[in-house]
Amino acid sequence: MTERRIPKPRDLAPLLKFDRPFGGRDRKLARAQTIWDLRELARKRTPKVAFDYTDGAADAELSLARARQAFRDIEFRPEILRNVADTDTAVTVLGEQARLPFGIAPTGFTRMMHTAGEIAGARAAQRAGIPFTLSTMGTTAIEDVAAATGSGARNWFQLYMWKDRDRSIALVERAAKAGFDTLVVTVDVPVAGNRLRDVRNGMTVPPSITVTGALDALRKPWWWWDFLTTEPLAFASLDRWSGTVAELLDSMFDPTVDFDDLAWVREQWPGRVLVKGVQTVADAKRLAGLGVDGIVLSNHGGRQLDRAPVPLHLLPQVVREVGDDLEIHLDTGILHGADIAAALALGARFTLIGRAYLYGLMAGGEAGVDRAIEILRTQLVRTMRLLGVGSVEELEPRHVHLMERFRPLE
């Protein structure tokens, strides 16, 4: 017979751990173990119009879904009995070292997601030892980002070519003067993509308060409090705008931009140049001949052309064709450290995160961005160790098998 006894209070005490009924922001961020956890926190804290702008993509959102599916379809090939007590996540990108093989991608309207905006992203990136990219459509001035991060930061500036070339070059000159070391020229936006969530939400900049928005505001009072009691939302690089996002973008973007314009911009910029939005091998080869320093394989996070090529599927062939001529970076669909490991193994030098960073920002401001970076770092390191590699430089194609679910018919 099993002898039983009544437990004493001192026996129960170590077993009973109760969280505070609501918990604070820091507690919630600490409990977030994935970028998807941060996304859920962001959804609860952010009005629908701002959350959907971040979360959504163009038309049926197939490009984004396929990019994410490509990472899910990766099969890793781990190597056993390797010494992985120490791991090195550092990588040399565009001539300088980054402590992690990913940086923060350019995102527009960032202070709409959280009033800390680009400053939060830039500071978090500086602490992590990674680049931060300020968008032409950013809501913090070039000079303010530079001042917030100081001389030790690695700041990049993303340029959209406007119809007004003088204004474009004025931005380039400001970024160079402020110490930004890399120009990221985005080339996949001759016109704005058809982002149906924004159309249906009637999104304007700054956000307008409709009846639906007012009801939504009741559920997110702290976001509206921050929004209404801080500096009014405005673009750092252009005048205030009171129309829809699509109207703004179509008024700015120039459908006549061509390779000659890119070469002209290259001549104006004293630092390194990345071309973002490359989606074919032929264009990658042409850019290699143009003398740019690198390209970003990207379909703009699925926000421009729906059914666009999947960057991860494009990566191996581009690496074979131009990998010795320029650096190849990749974005779109990255939400896990294992995604980063897979991209590096297939030949990418560097990766960029957009939504992953913004989910953290919406979930908890600057602390949320720190948490997003830490989640990705932890996942990357664990993946590397389980693969049997001690540094990102050891990641090679033999470590992954890319199952192309959407292989095109020949």
Protein backbone atom coordinates (compact mmCIF):
# COMPACT_ATOMS: atom_id res chain seq x y z
CA MET A 1 0.00 0.00 0.00
CA THR A 2 1.21 3.52 -0.82
CA GLU A 3 1.51 5.61 2.31
CA ARG A 4 -0.19 8.98 1.89
CA ARG A 5 -0.17 12.21 3.85
CA ILE A 6 -1.81 15.60 3.72
CA PRO A 7 0.60 18.12 2.11
CA LYS A 8 1.73 20.97 4.33
CA PRO A 9 1.62 24.62 3.17
CA ARG A 10 5.42 24.78 3.00
CA ASP A 11 5.35 21.86 0.56
CA LEU A 12 2.90 23.62 -1.72
CA ALA A 13 4.53 27.06 -1.70
CA PRO A 14 7.33 26.30 -4.23
CA LEU A 15 4.78 24.84 -6.64
CA LEU A 16 2.45 27.82 -6.70
CA LYS A 17 3.53 30.57 -9.06
CA PHE A 18 0.87 33.07 -10.04
CA ASP A 19 1.35 35.76 -12.65
CA ARG A 20 -0.11 39.14 -12.02
CA PRO A 21 -3.61 39.15 -13.55
CA PHE A 22 -2.78 41.62 -16.31
CA GLY A 23 1.00 41.98 -16.28
CA GLY A 24 3.06 44.83 -17.65
CA ARG A 25 4.59 45.40 -21.04
CA ASP A 26 8.00 44.02 -20.08
CA ARG A 27 6.47 40.83 -18.70
CA LYS A 28 4.46 40.29 -21.87
CA LEU A 29 7.49 40.90 -24.07
CA ALA A 30 9.58 38.48 -22.01
CA ARG A 31 6.93 35.80 -22.45
CA ALA A 32 6.94 36.24 -26.24
CA GLN A 33 9.00 33.37 -27.65
CA THR A 34 8.42 33.89 -31.36
CA ILE A 35 7.82 36.73 -33.78
CA TRP A 36 4.28 35.38 -34.09
CA ASP A 37 3.85 35.99 -30.35
CA LEU A 38 4.94 39.59 -30.89
CA ARG A 39 2.54 39.86 -33.81
CA GLU A 40 -0.34 38.84 -31.56
CA LEU A 41 0.67 41.42 -28.95
CA ALA A 42 0.93 44.01 -31.72
CA ARG A 43 -2.54 43.15 -33.01
CA LYS A 44 -4.04 43.68 -29.59
CA ARG A 45 -2.31 47.01 -29.01
CA THR A 46 -2.54 48.66 -32.42
CA PRO A 47 -5.57 50.03 -34.30
CA LYS A 48 -6.65 47.93 -37.25
CA VAL A 49 -5.70 50.54 -39.86
CA ALA A 50 -2.06 50.66 -38.69
CA PHE A 51 -1.78 46.93 -38.00
CA ASP A 52 -3.21 45.97 -41.38
CA TYR A 53 -0.86 48.37 -43.15
CA THR A 54 2.05 46.46 -41.59
CA ASP A 55 0.61 42.98 -41.79
CA GLY A 56 -0.95 43.12 -45.23
CA ALA A 57 0.30 42.76 -48.79
CA ALA A 58 -0.98 43.32 -52.32
CA ASP A 59 -4.12 41.88 -53.90
CA ALA A 60 -4.67 38.27 -52.71
CA GLU A 61 -1.38 38.39 -50.75
CA LEU A 62 -0.07 35.36 -52.63
CA SER A 63 3.49 36.68 -52.99
CA LEU A 64 3.84 37.02 -49.23
CA ALA A 65 2.23 33.65 -48.50
CA ARG A 66 4.50 31.90 -51.01
CA ALA A 67 7.63 33.56 -49.64
CA ARG A 68 6.76 32.37 -46.14
CA GLN A 69 5.86 28.92 -47.41
CA ALA A 70 9.28 28.64 -49.08
CA PHE A 71 10.95 28.98 -45.69
CA ARG A 72 8.55 26.44 -44.18
CA ASP A 73 9.45 24.00 -46.94
CA ILE A 74 13.17 24.10 -46.13
CA GLU A 75 14.51 20.74 -44.99
CA PHE A 76 17.69 21.06 -42.96
CA ARG A 77 20.55 18.57 -43.20
CA PRO A 78 22.25 18.58 -39.77
CA GLU A 79 25.80 17.31 -39.29
CA ILE A 80 26.48 15.50 -36.03
CA LEU A 81 29.39 15.29 -33.63
CA ARG A 82 30.63 18.81 -34.27
CA ASN A 83 31.97 21.14 -31.58
CA VAL A 84 29.40 23.91 -31.33
CA ALA A 85 30.14 25.11 -27.81
CA ASP A 86 30.86 28.54 -29.27
CA THR A 87 28.95 30.17 -32.10
CA ASP A 88 29.90 33.24 -34.12
CA THR A 89 27.03 35.13 -35.75
CA ALA A 90 29.16 37.99 -37.09
CA VAL A 91 29.36 38.68 -40.81
CA THR A 92 31.16 41.22 -42.97
CA VAL A 93 28.58 43.15 -44.95
CA LEU A 94 29.54 45.83 -47.45
CA GLY A 95 33.04 46.05 -46.01
CA GLU A 96 32.12 46.35 -42.33
CA GLN A 97 31.24 43.83 -39.65
CA ALA A 98 27.76 43.29 -38.29
CA ARG A 99 27.32 41.22 -35.13
CA LEU A 100 24.30 39.47 -36.66
CA PRO A 101 23.59 38.47 -40.26
CA PHE A 102 20.43 40.55 -40.48
CA GLY A 103 19.55 44.22 -40.42
CA ILE A 104 16.42 46.34 -40.23
CA ALA A 105 14.75 46.96 -43.58
CA PRO A 106 13.32 50.34 -44.62
CA THR A 107 9.69 50.80 -43.58
CA GLY A 108 7.43 53.76 -44.23
CA PHE A 109 5.01 55.54 -41.87
CA THR A 110 6.78 53.92 -38.91
CA ARG A 111 5.59 56.37 -36.24
CA MET A 112 2.05 55.37 -37.17
CA MET A 113 2.79 51.90 -35.80
CA HIS A 114 4.25 53.32 -32.58
CA THR A 115 5.23 56.86 -31.65
CA ALA A 116 8.81 55.72 -30.93
CA GLY A 117 9.08 55.04 -34.66
CA GLU A 118 12.39 54.97 -36.47
CA ILE A 119 14.34 56.16 -33.43
CA ALA A 120 13.40 52.96 -31.59
CA GLY A 121 14.52 50.82 -34.51
CA ALA A 122 17.77 52.70 -35.00
CA ARG A 123 18.72 52.55 -31.33
CA ALA A 124 17.88 48.86 -31.06
CA ALA A 125 19.91 48.15 -34.18
CA GLN A 126 22.88 50.07 -32.79
CA ARG A 127 22.79 48.07 -29.56
CA ALA A 128 22.62 44.83 -31.53
CA GLY A 129 25.49 45.88 -33.80
CA ILE A 130 23.44 45.68 -37.02
CA PRO A 131 22.48 48.18 -39.74
CA PHE A 132 19.29 50.22 -39.64
CA THR A 133 17.73 51.46 -42.87
CA LEU A 134 15.72 54.70 -42.91
CA SER A 135 13.04 54.90 -45.59
CA THR A 136 12.33 57.82 -47.89
CA MET A 137 8.82 57.46 -46.46
CA GLY A 138 10.13 57.52 -42.90
CA THR A 139 8.53 59.71 -40.27
CA THR A 140 11.78 60.77 -38.58
CA ALA A 141 14.25 63.15 -40.16
CA ILE A 142 17.55 61.86 -41.47
CA GLU A 143 19.43 64.16 -39.13
CA ASP A 144 17.37 63.09 -36.11
CA VAL A 145 18.14 59.40 -36.68
CA ALA A 146 21.84 60.23 -36.96
CA ALA A 147 21.73 62.28 -33.76
CA ALA A 148 19.86 59.56 -31.85
CA THR A 149 22.40 56.86 -32.68
CA GLY A 150 25.71 58.75 -32.73
CA SER A 151 28.84 58.08 -34.71
CA GLY A 152 29.13 54.36 -33.92
CA ALA A 153 25.90 53.38 -35.66
CA ARG A 154 25.59 51.75 -39.05
CA ASN A 155 22.81 53.73 -40.75
CA TRP A 156 21.65 53.14 -44.31
CA PHE A 157 19.27 55.34 -46.31
CA GLN A 158 16.65 53.96 -48.68
CA LEU A 159 15.80 56.04 -51.74
CA TYR A 160 12.75 56.05 -53.97
CA MET A 161 13.38 57.92 -57.17
CA TRP A 162 10.83 60.72 -57.32
CA LYS A 163 9.50 62.42 -60.39
CA ASP A 164 11.26 65.49 -59.00
CA ARG A 165 14.91 64.48 -59.39
CA ASP A 166 16.18 67.52 -57.51
CA ARG A 167 14.29 66.46 -54.39
CA SER A 168 15.66 62.94 -54.70
CA ILE A 169 19.24 64.15 -54.84
CA ALA A 170 18.62 66.58 -51.99
CA LEU A 171 17.77 63.57 -49.81
CA VAL A 172 20.88 61.74 -50.99
CA GLU A 173 23.03 64.72 -50.06
CA ARG A 174 21.41 65.02 -46.62
CA ALA A 175 21.99 61.34 -45.90
CA ALA A 176 25.64 61.55 -46.94
CA LYS A 177 26.18 64.64 -44.81
CA ALA A 178 24.57 62.92 -41.81
CA GLY A 179 27.02 60.01 -42.04
CA PHE A 180 24.82 57.32 -43.58
CA ASP A 181 27.24 54.86 -45.21
CA THR A 182 25.01 52.96 -47.66
CA LEU A 183 22.32 53.99 -50.12
CA VAL A 184 19.57 51.43 -50.72
CA VAL A 185 17.82 52.21 -54.00
CA THR A 186 14.41 50.53 -54.22
CA VAL A 187 13.50 49.78 -57.82
CA ASP A 188 10.25 47.78 -57.73
CA VAL A 189 7.81 50.66 -57.29
CA PRO A 190 6.95 52.27 -60.64
CA VAL A 191 3.46 52.55 -59.14
CA ALA A 192 1.95 51.61 -55.80
CA GLY A 193 0.83 48.03 -55.29
CA ASN A 194 -2.88 47.29 -54.85
CA ARG A 195 -3.00 46.85 -51.06
CA LEU A 196 -6.61 45.95 -50.51
CA ARG A 197 -6.56 46.03 -46.73
CA ASP A 198 -5.56 49.70 -46.85
CA VAL A 199 -8.24 50.48 -49.43
CA ARG A 200 -10.92 48.77 -47.38
CA ASN A 201 -9.76 50.47 -44.18
CA GLY A 202 -9.77 53.86 -45.91
CA MET A 203 -6.23 54.38 -44.68
CA THR A 204 -4.95 57.95 -44.78
CA VAL A 205 -1.79 59.57 -43.46
CA PRO A 206 -2.14 60.64 -40.73
CA PRO A 207 -4.86 58.14 -39.75
CA SER A 208 -8.31 59.66 -39.78
CA ILE A 209 -10.90 58.77 -37.18
CA THR A 210 -13.94 57.22 -38.84
CA VAL A 211 -16.87 55.74 -36.95
CA THR A 212 -15.23 52.33 -37.21
CA GLY A 213 -11.91 53.84 -36.14
CA ALA A 214 -13.53 55.47 -33.13
CA LEU A 215 -14.93 52.13 -31.99
CA ASP A 216 -11.54 50.53 -32.53
CA ALA A 217 -9.91 53.34 -30.53
CA LEU A 218 -11.93 52.35 -27.49
CA ARG A 219 -10.10 49.02 -27.49
CA LYS A 220 -6.64 50.57 -27.99
CA PRO A 221 -6.72 53.73 -25.84
CA TRP A 222 -2.99 53.86 -25.11
CA TRP A 223 -2.08 53.88 -28.79
CA TRP A 224 -4.42 56.84 -29.41
CA TRP A 225 -3.17 58.60 -26.28
CA ASP A 226 0.42 58.34 -27.54
CA PHE A 227 -0.61 59.37 -31.04
CA LEU A 228 -2.60 62.42 -29.96
CA THR A 229 -0.15 63.70 -27.30
CA THR A 230 3.10 63.50 -29.28
CA GLU A 231 4.45 65.34 -32.31
CA PRO A 232 1.95 65.12 -35.19
CA LEU A 233 2.73 62.42 -37.70
CA ALA A 234 4.57 63.84 -40.71
CA PHE A 235 7.08 62.64 -43.26
CA ALA A 236 10.67 63.58 -42.71
CA SER A 237 11.40 63.87 -46.41
CA LEU A 238 8.32 65.58 -47.84
CA ASP A 239 5.49 67.91 -47.01
CA ARG A 240 2.49 66.84 -44.97
CA TRP A 241 -0.08 64.77 -46.79
CA SER A 242 -3.78 64.33 -46.08
CA GLY A 243 -4.78 61.83 -48.77
CA THR A 244 -4.67 58.08 -49.05
CA VAL A 245 -1.42 56.14 -49.09
CA ALA A 246 -1.95 55.01 -52.69
CA GLU A 247 -2.51 58.60 -53.84
CA LEU A 248 0.65 59.72 -52.07
CA LEU A 249 2.78 56.97 -53.57
CA ASP A 250 1.43 57.45 -57.07
CA SER A 251 2.15 61.18 -56.84
CA MET A 252 5.78 60.46 -55.96
CA PHE A 253 6.90 57.33 -57.77
CA ASP A 254 8.24 57.73 -61.27
CA PRO A 255 7.33 55.00 -63.80
CA THR A 256 10.04 56.28 -66.19
CA VAL A 257 13.01 55.33 -63.95
CA ASP A 258 15.50 53.14 -65.81
CA PHE A 259 19.07 51.82 -65.57
CA ASP A 260 20.48 55.16 -66.70
CA ASP A 261 18.80 56.86 -63.73
CA LEU A 262 20.33 54.28 -61.42
CA ALA A 263 23.78 54.88 -62.87
CA TRP A 264 23.26 58.62 -62.35
CA VAL A 265 22.34 58.08 -58.69
CA ARG A 266 25.41 55.87 -58.29
CA GLU A 267 27.57 58.77 -59.42
CA GLN A 268 26.03 61.12 -56.86
CA TRP A 269 26.50 58.88 -53.83
CA PRO A 270 29.94 58.69 -52.18
CA GLY A 271 29.35 55.44 -50.29
CA ARG A 272 28.14 51.95 -51.11
CA VAL A 273 25.00 51.25 -53.13
CA LEU A 274 22.50 48.41 -52.73
CA VAL A 275 19.70 47.89 -55.25
CA LYS A 276 16.58 46.49 -53.60
CA GLY A 277 13.75 44.76 -55.41
CA VAL A 278 15.65 42.49 -57.82
CA GLN A 279 13.44 39.62 -59.01
CA THR A 280 15.12 38.06 -62.06
CA VAL A 281 18.53 36.59 -62.81
CA ALA A 282 18.84 38.77 -65.92
CA ASP A 283 18.42 41.97 -63.90
CA ALA A 284 20.90 40.73 -61.31
CA LYS A 285 23.49 40.19 -64.04
CA ARG A 286 22.87 43.62 -65.54
CA LEU A 287 23.28 45.28 -62.15
CA ALA A 288 26.53 43.42 -61.56
CA GLY A 289 27.83 45.04 -64.72
CA LEU A 290 26.67 48.45 -63.56
CA GLY A 291 29.08 48.47 -60.63
CA VAL A 292 26.70 48.50 -57.67
CA ASP A 293 27.99 46.95 -54.46
CA GLY A 294 25.10 44.61 -53.81
CA ILE A 295 21.52 43.67 -54.54
CA VAL A 296 18.57 42.69 -52.37
CA LEU A 297 16.44 39.87 -53.75
CA SER A 298 13.02 41.05 -52.67
CA ASN A 299 9.44 41.26 -53.85
CA HIS A 300 8.80 44.17 -51.44
CA GLY A 301 7.31 41.92 -48.80
CA GLY A 302 4.58 40.93 -51.26
CA ARG A 303 3.33 44.51 -51.26
CA GLN A 304 3.81 45.35 -54.94
CA LEU A 305 3.25 42.68 -57.62
CA ASP A 306 1.22 39.75 -56.40
CA ARG A 307 2.43 36.37 -57.72
CA ALA A 308 5.95 37.78 -57.94
CA PRO A 309 8.98 35.44 -57.78
CA VAL A 310 9.85 33.99 -54.39
CA PRO A 311 13.22 35.50 -53.38
CA LEU A 312 14.43 32.33 -51.64
CA HIS A 313 13.74 30.26 -54.77
CA LEU A 314 15.62 32.80 -56.89
CA LEU A 315 18.62 32.91 -54.57
CA PRO A 316 20.67 29.83 -55.63
CA GLN A 317 20.70 30.72 -59.32
CA VAL A 318 21.56 34.39 -58.68
CA VAL A 319 24.42 33.28 -56.42
CA ARG A 320 25.75 31.05 -59.21
CA GLU A 321 25.55 33.82 -61.79
CA VAL A 322 26.75 36.92 -59.91
CA GLY A 323 27.82 35.80 -56.45
CA ASP A 324 31.46 36.61 -57.18
CA ASP A 325 30.65 40.08 -58.51
CA LEU A 326 28.53 41.65 -55.78
CA GLU A 327 26.92 40.95 -52.43
CA ILE A 328 23.54 39.26 -52.46
CA HIS A 329 21.09 40.12 -49.69
CA LEU A 330 17.56 38.80 -49.24
CA ASP A 331 14.30 39.84 -47.62
CA THR A 332 10.56 38.96 -47.67
CA GLY A 333 8.98 36.38 -45.40
CA ILE A 334 11.69 36.18 -42.71
CA LEU A 335 10.03 35.57 -39.35
CA HIS A 336 12.37 33.05 -37.67
CA GLY A 337 16.08 32.67 -37.07
CA ALA A 338 15.97 29.42 -39.01
CA ASP A 339 14.78 31.42 -42.05
CA ILE A 340 17.94 33.50 -41.78
CA ALA A 341 20.12 30.39 -41.47
CA ALA A 342 18.50 28.91 -44.57
CA ALA A 343 19.07 32.07 -46.63
CA LEU A 344 22.71 32.24 -45.58
CA ALA A 345 23.25 28.56 -46.37
CA LEU A 346 21.89 29.10 -49.87
CA GLY A 347 24.36 31.90 -50.49
CA ALA A 348 22.93 35.16 -49.20
CA ARG A 349 25.50 37.39 -47.56
CA PHE A 350 22.92 39.23 -45.45
CA THR A 351 19.19 39.43 -44.78
CA LEU A 352 16.75 42.21 -43.90
CA ILE A 353 13.73 42.10 -41.60
CA GLY A 354 10.71 44.38 -41.95
CA ARG A 355 7.50 43.03 -40.46
CA ALA A 356 9.38 41.12 -37.75
CA TYR A 357 10.85 44.39 -36.51
CA LEU A 358 7.53 46.26 -36.79
CA TYR A 359 5.63 43.59 -34.84
CA GLY A 360 8.11 44.14 -32.01
CA LEU A 361 7.76 47.91 -32.30
CA MET A 362 3.96 47.76 -32.14
CA ALA A 363 4.09 45.25 -29.29
CA GLY A 364 6.32 47.30 -27.02
CA GLY A 365 8.11 50.25 -28.60
CA GLU A 366 11.90 50.22 -28.38
CA ALA A 367 11.88 47.34 -25.90
CA GLY A 368 9.75 45.39 -28.36
CA VAL A 369 12.31 45.89 -31.14
CA ASP A 370 15.03 44.67 -28.76
CA ARG A 371 12.91 41.60 -28.07
CA ALA A 372 12.34 40.89 -31.76
CA ILE A 373 16.08 41.03 -32.45
CA GLU A 374 16.83 38.82 -29.46
CA ILE A 375 14.23 36.24 -30.51
CA LEU A 376 15.75 36.00 -33.99
CA ARG A 377 19.28 35.86 -32.59
CA THR A 378 18.41 33.05 -30.17
CA GLN A 379 16.64 31.06 -32.88
CA LEU A 380 19.55 31.54 -35.28
CA VAL A 381 22.13 30.38 -32.75
CA ARG A 382 20.09 27.32 -31.80
CA THR A 383 19.60 26.42 -35.47
CA MET A 384 23.32 26.77 -36.16
CA ARG A 385 24.21 24.50 -33.24
CA LEU A 386 21.68 21.87 -34.25
CA LEU A 387 23.08 21.97 -37.79
CA GLY A 388 26.58 21.44 -36.43
CA VAL A 389 28.10 24.78 -37.48
CA GLY A 390 30.02 27.19 -35.29
CA SER A 391 29.82 30.31 -37.47
CA VAL A 392 27.57 31.74 -40.14
CA GLU A 393 30.47 31.43 -42.58
CA GLU A 394 30.21 27.64 -42.26
CA LEU A 395 26.60 27.56 -43.48
CA GLU A 396 26.57 26.05 -46.98
CA PRO A 397 24.05 24.62 -49.44
CA ARG A 398 24.72 21.10 -48.14
CA HIS A 399 22.94 22.09 -44.92
CA VAL A 400 19.57 22.67 -46.61
CA HIS A 401 17.28 21.09 -49.13
CA LEU A 402 14.97 23.57 -50.86
CA MET A 403 11.64 21.94 -51.71
CA GLU A 404 10.18 24.11 -54.44
CA ARG A 405 6.45 23.75 -53.98
CA PHE A 406 5.83 26.44 -56.60
CA ARG A 407 8.34 25.23 -59.20
CA PRO A 408 7.33 26.84 -62.54
CA LEU A 409 6.47 24.63 -65.48
CA GLU A 410 9.18 24.60 -68.15
